[in-house]
Protein backbone atom coordinates (compact mmCIF):
# COMPACT_ATOMS: atom_id res chain seq x y z
CA MET A 1 102.95 128.98 44.33
CA GLU A 2 100.81 128.96 47.41
CA ALA A 3 99.34 125.78 48.78
CA LEU A 4 97.01 124.78 51.62
CA ARG A 5 97.51 121.79 53.84
CA LEU A 6 94.81 120.46 56.16
CA THR A 7 94.43 117.44 58.26
CA ILE A 8 90.79 116.31 58.44
CA HIS A 9 88.69 113.25 58.93
CA SER A 10 88.04 111.40 55.55
CA ALA A 11 84.30 111.40 56.38
CA LEU A 12 84.26 115.05 55.33
CA LEU A 13 85.51 114.10 51.91
CA THR A 14 83.06 111.45 51.07
CA PRO A 15 80.36 113.96 49.81
CA LEU A 16 82.89 115.45 47.48
CA PHE A 17 85.13 112.50 46.38
CA ASP A 18 85.19 108.73 45.99
CA VAL A 19 87.37 108.12 48.93
CA PRO A 20 89.33 104.80 48.52
CA PRO A 21 88.41 102.21 51.12
CA THR A 22 92.12 102.31 52.51
CA LEU A 23 91.57 106.01 53.33
CA ARG A 24 88.10 105.87 54.92
CA ASP A 25 87.38 106.48 58.57
CA GLN A 26 90.87 108.03 59.52
CA GLU A 27 92.60 111.37 59.56
CA VAL A 28 94.00 112.21 56.22
CA ASP A 29 96.12 115.18 54.77
CA VAL A 30 94.58 117.22 52.09
CA VAL A 31 96.88 119.50 49.89
CA VAL A 32 95.15 122.15 47.79
CA LEU A 33 97.16 123.63 45.01
CA PRO A 34 96.00 126.21 42.39
CA LYS A 35 95.03 125.08 38.85
CA LEU A 36 97.98 125.80 36.52
CA GLU A 37 97.15 127.97 33.71
CA GLU A 38 98.79 128.29 30.31
CA THR A 39 101.64 130.72 30.39
CA LYS A 40 102.28 133.41 27.79
CA GLU A 41 106.00 133.07 28.17
CA ARG A 42 106.15 129.54 26.91
CA PRO A 43 103.95 129.40 23.85
CA HIS A 44 103.45 125.94 22.34
CA SER A 45 105.38 124.67 19.43
CA PRO A 46 103.70 123.38 16.34
CA GLU A 47 104.38 119.73 17.03
CA ARG A 48 102.75 120.06 20.58
CA LYS A 49 98.99 119.85 20.70
CA SER A 50 98.77 121.93 23.84
CA PRO A 51 100.72 124.74 25.32
CA LYS A 52 103.48 124.04 27.81
CA ARG A 53 102.44 124.36 31.43
CA GLU A 54 104.50 125.13 34.62
CA SER A 55 106.08 122.07 35.99
CA MET A 56 104.56 120.53 39.17
CA MET A 57 107.77 118.53 39.75
CA GLY A 58 108.83 118.84 43.60
CA CYS A 59 105.90 120.94 44.62
CA LEU A 60 104.90 118.47 47.23
CA SER A 61 108.42 117.77 48.52
CA GLU A 62 107.78 119.69 51.78
CA TYR A 63 104.95 117.07 52.57
CA ALA A 64 107.22 114.14 51.75
CA ASN A 65 108.23 111.54 54.27
CA PRO A 66 111.94 111.69 54.43
CA ALA A 67 112.05 107.97 55.66
CA LEU A 68 110.29 106.85 52.51
CA ARG A 69 112.26 109.02 50.04
CA GLU A 70 115.02 106.39 49.45
CA LEU A 71 112.53 103.68 48.77
CA GLU A 72 110.68 105.94 46.39
CA LYS A 73 113.63 106.48 44.21
CA GLY A 74 113.50 102.96 42.76
CA ALA A 75 109.59 102.96 42.27
């Protein structure tokens, strides 16, 4: 899966998003991932209301802060 990572000033995001006050007026990282589509290989079962989608688990691990990984395990 391809991803795009940009570091931009949060002021550029305010016309598009409701940027939280803690992220305003500073440089922020923006990660863009493609929207996941339903897969034909994994049809939904009768008890599920929607088809199974590709897992996003671990897709942002390359952007993680290694120093915080241990603290996040107990979160």
